[in-house]
Amino acid sequence: MKKACSVLLSVLLIFTMQLCVFAEAGEIGKTQLKTVVPNTHEITVTYNDGGYVLKDGNLIASGAKFAVDRFDSLSLGAVAKLDSHLERVTVNGKDYTDKLQYGMLRFDSVTTDMNIVFTFKKCFGPTEPTTNPTEPTEPTRPTEPTAPTDPSGTTNPSGTTNPSGTTNPSGTTNPGGDHEDPCVRMGMKGNVYRGKNLFPGAKLDIDLGEIKAEAGKDGAYSVDVIKDGFHVVTITDENGEVAGKTTFSVSVSDTATETTVIKLDDGSQIAVVPKGTNTLWLDFVVNDDGTITIVPVEEPTSEVPVTKPSDSGNPIMNNPVISKTGELIRENPLAAAAVFLCGLSLIFFIILRKKRKDDEEEENTKPVC
């Protein structure tokens, strides 16, 4: 009897456990794991006072926050001031400097929040000396009779050794040696057009007021210094009305032999310049829709006529008719010879005819015997 009761209780226990397991499994099956995917992502852009950052061609303030729809593209342009260059870009703490293209940072598809930091640094070219961080300068104590000298034998105003052997006007040191100035400078000239016509009096505002120029009566403009990198230009008419606006980049190439302008799919324009170029020649064409087309042009040459010293005081040779005739004879010697022979024959014919007429008159005047 006891064995029968034990078997019955065991069967009931097993059946009850199965029901509990099925019930718990059913509850788990009803549970759904959900992941919330945002429709937009927050972008924060920060930069120091060495330049500016543009979004879609418009200036944004440092520390600005804005939303971008998920999977949308994003393009940011870094405009360095005349005395600075873009040194580094980080995204969420990761170095993205190598991903810069012609001074622009592009994201084809935004899928996360981003904190983007642009770091500008001073150039150490001739116009903007900077301090070498590895060689800090120290003030000279007035009680010291002598001050250290640099390798060239000259004393820096700060009383410290200058590794490059040169003294900056501000008393700071240049890196010197094998360091190369990261800022490539050149002049820029050309014409401004409105459609197919010249645009005299047009005002060019480049890099948010860093560079200004005005087209003369002949439509020509001139900029003393512009650097490689990303730029923004706004062209206004004489009344201050905006005629056109665009962004462009200047890229220095070791292999290019002439200046070319490349237009990317997004409308960006890249002026590729041969290394060592002193003056960049670009025409700005303002279109009816407010866009600006950038066209590379060759440097104009002015040919000065050369006057031979022996002819300078000769009034006959300086006569334009005689001078032009001489050029025609030199250019067409056979034709000149034919004309000369024809003229000579005509002279002989006139002389013979004159002689015959004189003979006839003489014959007629003789007395008749």
Protein backbone atom coordinates (compact mmCIF):
# COMPACT_ATOMS: atom_id res chain seq x y z
CA MET A 1 0.00 0.00 0.00
CA LYS A 2 2.83 2.35 0.89
CA LYS A 3 4.60 1.57 -2.37
CA ALA A 4 1.46 2.33 -4.35
CA CYS A 5 1.01 5.65 -2.58
CA SER A 6 4.67 6.58 -3.22
CA VAL A 7 4.36 5.80 -6.92
CA LEU A 8 1.17 7.86 -7.16
CA LEU A 9 2.71 10.84 -5.38
CA SER A 10 5.78 10.69 -7.65
CA VAL A 11 3.61 10.72 -10.77
CA LEU A 12 1.63 13.71 -9.46
CA LEU A 13 4.85 15.57 -8.59
CA ILE A 14 6.33 15.05 -12.05
CA PHE A 15 3.12 16.19 -13.74
CA THR A 16 2.90 19.30 -11.52
CA MET A 17 6.51 20.29 -12.24
CA GLN A 18 5.90 20.05 -15.98
CA LEU A 19 2.90 22.33 -15.71
CA CYS A 20 4.98 24.93 -13.82
CA VAL A 21 7.72 24.76 -16.42
CA PHE A 22 5.26 25.23 -19.29
CA ALA A 23 3.61 28.12 -17.46
CA GLU A 24 6.96 29.86 -16.85
CA ALA A 25 8.01 29.29 -20.45
CA GLY A 26 4.79 30.81 -21.60
CA GLU A 27 5.40 33.93 -19.52
CA ILE A 28 8.95 34.28 -20.91
CA GLY A 29 7.63 33.92 -24.44
CA LYS A 30 5.36 36.86 -23.87
CA THR A 31 8.29 39.07 -22.79
CA GLN A 32 9.72 41.27 -25.62
CA LEU A 33 13.18 42.87 -25.57
CA LYS A 34 12.96 46.33 -27.12
CA THR A 35 15.85 48.63 -28.35
CA VAL A 36 14.95 52.31 -28.82
CA VAL A 37 16.65 53.77 -31.93
CA PRO A 38 16.61 57.59 -32.02
CA ASN A 39 15.40 59.39 -35.11
CA THR A 40 18.01 62.14 -34.69
CA HIS A 41 21.51 62.48 -33.27
CA GLU A 42 22.97 65.42 -31.39
CA ILE A 43 26.13 66.94 -32.85
CA THR A 44 28.36 69.24 -30.78
CA VAL A 45 31.05 71.28 -32.55
CA THR A 46 33.85 73.02 -30.65
CA TYR A 47 36.86 74.96 -31.94
CA ASN A 48 39.46 77.43 -30.66
CA ASP A 49 40.11 81.01 -31.79
CA GLY A 50 42.47 80.08 -34.65
CA GLY A 51 39.66 79.71 -37.15
CA TYR A 52 36.00 79.05 -37.84
CA VAL A 53 33.75 76.10 -38.70
CA LEU A 54 31.02 76.18 -41.33
CA LYS A 55 28.02 73.89 -41.75
CA ASP A 56 26.45 73.97 -45.20
CA GLY A 57 28.47 77.11 -45.92
CA ASN A 58 27.17 78.96 -42.84
CA LEU A 59 29.16 79.90 -39.74
CA ILE A 60 28.36 78.03 -36.53
CA ALA A 61 29.54 79.13 -33.09
CA SER A 62 31.98 77.12 -31.03
CA GLY A 63 30.07 74.87 -28.66
CA ALA A 64 27.02 74.82 -30.93
CA LYS A 65 24.69 71.82 -30.69
CA PHE A 66 22.35 70.75 -33.46
CA ALA A 67 20.41 67.66 -34.47
CA VAL A 68 20.97 65.58 -37.59
CA ASP A 69 18.49 62.97 -38.78
CA ARG A 70 19.73 59.42 -38.47
CA PHE A 71 21.50 58.17 -41.64
CA ASP A 72 21.68 61.72 -43.06
CA SER A 73 25.00 63.11 -44.30
CA LEU A 74 26.97 65.87 -42.57
CA SER A 75 29.65 68.16 -43.97
CA LEU A 76 31.74 70.64 -41.97
CA GLY A 77 34.36 73.04 -43.35
CA ALA A 78 37.25 74.38 -41.28
CA VAL A 79 38.38 77.92 -42.17
CA ALA A 80 41.74 78.86 -40.63
CA LYS A 81 42.68 82.47 -39.99
CA LEU A 82 45.59 84.01 -41.90
CA ASP A 83 48.04 83.30 -39.07
CA SER A 84 46.85 79.75 -38.29
CA HIS A 85 46.24 76.31 -39.74
CA LEU A 86 44.04 73.34 -38.83
CA GLU A 87 46.20 70.96 -36.80
CA ARG A 88 43.82 68.28 -35.51
CA VAL A 89 40.22 67.06 -35.53
CA THR A 90 38.75 64.60 -33.05
CA VAL A 91 35.35 62.90 -33.00
CA ASN A 92 34.29 61.51 -29.63
CA GLY A 93 37.94 61.63 -28.59
CA LYS A 94 39.21 59.72 -31.63
CA ASP A 95 41.63 61.38 -34.07
CA TYR A 96 39.90 62.08 -37.40
CA THR A 97 42.57 64.38 -38.90
CA ASP A 98 43.43 61.88 -41.64
CA LYS A 99 39.78 61.81 -42.71
CA LEU A 100 39.82 65.51 -43.66
CA GLN A 101 39.48 66.15 -47.39
CA TYR A 102 40.57 69.58 -48.64
CA GLY A 103 39.77 71.11 -45.25
CA MET A 104 36.33 69.47 -45.09
CA LEU A 105 35.10 66.75 -42.74
CA ARG A 106 32.32 64.62 -44.27
CA PHE A 107 30.08 61.91 -42.85
CA ASP A 108 28.04 59.99 -45.42
CA SER A 109 25.69 58.56 -42.78
CA VAL A 110 25.29 59.77 -39.20
CA THR A 111 24.47 56.90 -36.82
CA THR A 112 25.49 58.21 -33.39
CA ASP A 113 25.81 61.36 -31.31
CA MET A 114 29.13 63.10 -31.93
CA ASN A 115 31.33 65.58 -30.11
CA ILE A 116 33.60 67.10 -32.79
CA VAL A 117 36.59 69.24 -31.78
CA PHE A 118 38.63 71.30 -34.29
CA THR A 119 42.05 72.48 -33.09
CA PHE A 120 43.75 75.37 -34.91
CA LYS A 121 47.41 76.23 -34.34
CA LYS A 122 49.55 79.24 -35.20
CA CYS A 123 51.78 79.06 -38.27
CA PHE A 124 55.48 79.71 -37.68
CA GLY A 125 56.15 81.42 -40.97
CA PRO A 126 57.77 84.84 -41.42
CA THR A 127 54.60 86.76 -40.55
CA GLU A 128 53.56 84.91 -37.41
CA PRO A 129 56.40 83.70 -35.15
CA THR A 130 55.52 81.09 -32.55
CA THR A 131 57.21 79.63 -29.51
CA ASN A 132 58.81 76.22 -29.76
CA PRO A 133 57.26 74.19 -26.92
CA THR A 134 60.43 72.15 -26.45
CA GLU A 135 62.55 75.27 -25.90
CA PRO A 136 60.62 77.60 -23.55
CA THR A 137 61.98 81.10 -23.22
CA GLU A 138 62.84 82.58 -19.86
CA PRO A 139 63.34 86.25 -18.92
CA THR A 140 66.89 87.43 -18.40
CA ARG A 141 67.73 88.43 -14.87
CA PRO A 142 68.89 92.05 -14.82
CA THR A 143 71.77 91.27 -12.45
CA GLU A 144 73.48 88.89 -14.88
CA PRO A 145 76.30 90.59 -16.78
CA THR A 146 76.03 88.35 -19.82
CA ALA A 147 73.28 86.38 -21.51
CA PRO A 148 73.47 83.02 -23.31
CA THR A 149 74.00 83.17 -27.03
CA ASP A 150 72.62 81.03 -29.84
CA PRO A 151 74.78 78.96 -32.25
CA SER A 152 75.08 81.91 -34.63
CA GLY A 153 76.67 84.05 -31.91
CA THR A 154 73.73 86.43 -31.41
CA THR A 155 71.76 87.02 -28.24
CA ASN A 156 67.98 86.62 -28.23
CA PRO A 157 65.95 89.41 -26.61
CA SER A 158 64.74 86.93 -24.02
CA GLY A 159 68.28 85.90 -23.16
CA THR A 160 67.82 82.26 -24.21
CA THR A 161 69.26 80.12 -26.94
CA ASN A 162 67.35 80.07 -30.23
CA PRO A 163 67.83 76.63 -31.86
CA SER A 164 67.09 77.97 -35.33
CA GLY A 165 69.66 80.76 -35.07
CA THR A 166 67.09 83.49 -35.82
CA THR A 167 65.33 85.97 -33.57
CA ASN A 168 61.61 86.67 -33.83
CA PRO A 169 60.42 90.27 -33.42
CA SER A 170 58.46 89.27 -30.32
CA GLY A 171 61.44 87.56 -28.72
CA THR A 172 60.03 84.05 -29.17
CA THR A 173 61.69 81.17 -30.94
CA ASN A 174 61.01 79.53 -34.28
CA PRO A 175 61.26 75.73 -34.54
CA GLY A 176 63.82 76.20 -37.33
CA GLY A 177 65.98 73.33 -38.53
CA ASP A 178 64.14 70.73 -40.57
CA HIS A 179 60.70 72.02 -39.54
CA GLU A 180 58.54 73.09 -42.46
CA ASP A 181 55.91 75.78 -42.16
CA PRO A 182 52.53 74.01 -42.46
CA CYS A 183 51.00 77.14 -43.97
CA VAL A 184 51.53 77.53 -47.74
CA ARG A 185 50.97 81.13 -48.82
CA MET A 186 50.52 82.69 -52.26
CA GLY A 187 48.90 85.68 -53.92
CA MET A 188 45.64 85.44 -55.87
CA LYS A 189 44.51 87.48 -58.88
CA GLY A 190 41.91 87.32 -61.63
CA ASN A 191 38.64 88.85 -62.82
CA VAL A 192 35.09 88.88 -61.47
CA TYR A 193 32.23 88.25 -63.90
CA ARG A 194 28.46 88.45 -63.63
CA GLY A 195 27.39 85.94 -66.20
CA LYS A 196 29.42 86.66 -69.32
CA ASN A 197 30.08 90.30 -68.48
CA LEU A 198 32.78 91.76 -66.30
CA PHE A 199 31.66 92.79 -62.80
CA PRO A 200 33.43 96.10 -61.99
CA GLY A 201 33.09 97.30 -58.43
CA ALA A 202 32.38 93.81 -57.09
CA LYS A 203 33.56 93.33 -53.50
CA LEU A 204 35.07 90.03 -52.39
CA ASP A 205 34.84 88.98 -48.74
CA ILE A 206 36.99 85.88 -48.20
CA ASP A 207 37.07 83.80 -45.01
CA LEU A 208 34.51 85.87 -43.11
CA GLY A 209 36.36 89.16 -43.41
CA GLU A 210 39.92 87.83 -43.05
CA ILE A 211 40.62 88.85 -46.67
CA LYS A 212 38.93 91.66 -48.61
CA ALA A 213 39.35 92.76 -52.22
CA GLU A 214 37.49 94.88 -54.77
CA ALA A 215 37.29 94.53 -58.53
CA GLY A 216 38.42 97.59 -60.44
CA LYS A 217 36.77 99.21 -63.45
CA ASP A 218 38.20 96.44 -65.61
CA GLY A 219 36.75 93.74 -63.31
CA ALA A 220 40.17 92.69 -62.05
CA TYR A 221 40.85 91.92 -58.38
CA SER A 222 44.03 91.21 -56.42
CA VAL A 223 44.69 89.47 -53.09
CA ASP A 224 48.12 89.77 -51.48
CA VAL A 225 48.08 86.54 -49.45
CA ILE A 226 45.88 83.46 -49.34
CA LYS A 227 46.75 80.10 -47.80
CA ASP A 228 46.05 76.54 -48.84
CA GLY A 229 43.02 74.94 -47.25
CA PHE A 230 39.29 75.58 -47.07
CA HIS A 231 37.85 79.03 -47.87
CA VAL A 232 34.49 80.78 -48.17
CA VAL A 233 33.90 83.76 -50.45
CA THR A 234 30.97 86.17 -50.64
CA ILE A 235 30.68 88.63 -53.54
CA THR A 236 28.57 91.78 -53.21
CA ASP A 237 27.77 94.57 -55.65
CA GLU A 238 28.49 98.28 -55.22
CA ASN A 239 25.33 98.67 -53.12
CA GLY A 240 26.33 95.91 -50.71
CA GLU A 241 23.75 93.44 -52.04
CA VAL A 242 24.96 89.82 -52.01
CA ALA A 243 25.42 88.61 -55.58
CA GLY A 244 26.86 85.18 -54.89
CA LYS A 245 28.46 82.92 -52.30
CA THR A 246 30.48 79.72 -52.42
CA THR A 247 33.15 77.67 -50.68
CA PHE A 248 36.34 76.38 -52.26
CA SER A 249 39.62 74.76 -51.29
CA VAL A 250 43.20 75.39 -52.37
CA SER A 251 45.29 72.21 -52.56
CA VAL A 252 49.03 72.29 -53.30
CA SER A 253 50.23 69.37 -55.45
CA ASP A 254 53.78 68.07 -55.91
CA THR A 255 52.92 66.62 -59.34
CA ALA A 256 50.60 69.21 -60.90
CA THR A 257 52.09 71.32 -63.70
CA GLU A 258 49.24 73.82 -64.02
CA THR A 259 46.34 75.11 -61.96
CA THR A 260 43.10 73.18 -62.37
CA VAL A 261 39.71 73.36 -60.65
CA ILE A 262 37.94 70.12 -59.74
CA LYS A 263 34.22 70.12 -59.01
CA LEU A 264 33.05 67.34 -56.70
CA ASP A 265 29.63 65.69 -56.74
CA ASP A 266 28.42 67.80 -53.82
CA GLY A 267 29.30 71.01 -55.67
CA SER A 268 32.57 71.67 -53.83
CA GLN A 269 35.33 73.25 -55.94
CA ILE A 270 38.99 72.39 -55.44
CA ALA A 271 41.76 74.53 -56.95
CA VAL A 272 44.78 72.24 -57.41
CA VAL A 273 47.94 74.36 -57.53
CA PRO A 274 51.50 73.29 -58.47
CA LYS A 275 53.96 73.45 -55.59
CA GLY A 276 55.97 76.67 -55.60
CA THR A 277 53.20 78.79 -57.14
CA ASN A 278 53.62 82.45 -56.25
CA THR A 279 50.31 83.76 -57.63
CA LEU A 280 47.07 81.79 -58.05
CA TRP A 281 45.04 83.05 -61.04
CA LEU A 282 41.32 82.40 -60.62
CA ASP A 283 38.24 84.03 -62.16
CA PHE A 284 35.01 84.16 -60.13
CA VAL A 285 31.84 83.95 -62.25
CA VAL A 286 28.63 84.90 -60.41
CA ASN A 287 25.68 82.96 -61.85
CA ASP A 288 22.04 84.05 -61.95
CA ASP A 289 21.09 81.62 -59.15
CA GLY A 290 23.67 83.11 -56.76
CA THR A 291 26.21 80.33 -57.14
CA ILE A 292 29.79 81.08 -58.12
CA THR A 293 31.82 79.16 -60.66
CA ILE A 294 35.59 79.27 -60.22
CA VAL A 295 37.63 79.16 -63.43
CA PRO A 296 41.44 78.84 -63.60
CA VAL A 297 43.14 81.25 -66.01
CA GLU A 298 46.66 81.69 -67.30
CA GLU A 299 48.75 84.55 -66.08
CA PRO A 300 48.43 87.36 -68.67
CA THR A 301 51.58 88.39 -70.51
CA SER A 302 52.21 91.90 -71.84
CA GLU A 303 54.38 92.02 -74.97
CA VAL A 304 56.45 95.19 -75.29
CA PRO A 305 57.49 96.06 -78.89
CA VAL A 306 61.25 96.11 -79.34
CA THR A 307 62.66 99.08 -81.29
CA LYS A 308 66.10 98.77 -82.83
CA PRO A 309 68.45 101.53 -81.66
CA SER A 310 69.52 102.33 -85.24
CA ASP A 311 65.90 103.02 -86.23
CA SER A 312 64.92 105.07 -83.20
CA GLY A 313 66.00 108.40 -84.73
CA ASN A 314 65.22 107.63 -88.38
CA PRO A 315 61.98 109.40 -89.43
CA ILE A 316 61.74 107.35 -92.65
CA MET A 317 61.99 103.99 -90.92
CA ASN A 318 59.63 105.17 -88.16
CA ASN A 319 56.95 106.04 -90.77
CA PRO A 320 54.15 103.48 -90.19
CA VAL A 321 53.41 103.06 -93.92
CA ILE A 322 57.04 102.38 -94.81
CA SER A 323 57.48 100.13 -91.79
CA LYS A 324 54.39 98.10 -92.71
CA THR A 325 55.54 97.83 -96.35
CA GLY A 326 58.91 96.53 -95.21
CA GLU A 327 57.20 93.87 -93.07
CA LEU A 328 55.10 92.75 -96.06
CA ILE A 329 58.19 92.50 -98.28
CA ARG A 330 60.00 90.39 -95.68
CA GLU A 331 57.02 88.12 -95.25
CA ASN A 332 56.32 87.68 -99.05
CA PRO A 333 59.59 88.02 -100.99
CA LEU A 334 58.29 86.31 -104.19
CA ALA A 335 55.21 88.50 -104.37
CA ALA A 336 57.36 91.55 -103.72
CA ALA A 337 59.73 90.55 -106.58
CA ALA A 338 56.79 90.07 -108.98
CA VAL A 339 55.38 93.48 -108.06
CA PHE A 340 58.81 95.03 -108.54
CA LEU A 341 59.21 93.52 -112.04
CA CYS A 342 55.72 94.63 -113.03
CA GLY A 343 56.46 98.12 -111.83
CA LEU A 344 59.79 98.17 -113.67
CA SER A 345 58.12 97.02 -116.91
CA LEU A 346 55.48 99.73 -116.52
CA ILE A 347 58.17 102.38 -116.09
CA PHE A 348 59.99 101.20 -119.24
CA PHE A 349 56.68 101.22 -121.16
CA ILE A 350 55.94 104.80 -120.04
CA ILE A 351 59.46 105.92 -120.98
CA LEU A 352 59.28 104.32 -124.45
CA ARG A 353 55.85 105.79 -125.10
CA LYS A 354 57.06 109.22 -124.04
CA LYS A 355 60.09 108.95 -126.33
CA ARG A 356 57.94 107.88 -129.29
CA LYS A 357 55.58 110.78 -128.73
CA ASP A 358 58.48 113.20 -128.59
CA ASP A 359 59.89 111.81 -131.84
CA GLU A 360 56.53 112.22 -133.57
CA GLU A 361 56.21 115.81 -132.41
CA GLU A 362 59.73 116.53 -133.62
CA GLU A 363 58.97 115.00 -137.00
CA ASN A 364 55.85 117.09 -137.36
CA THR A 365 57.62 120.32 -136.57
CA LYS A 366 60.30 119.92 -139.29
CA PRO A 367 59.92 122.45 -142.24
CA VAL A 368 58.71 121.02 -145.54
CA CYS A 369 61.12 121.68 -148.44
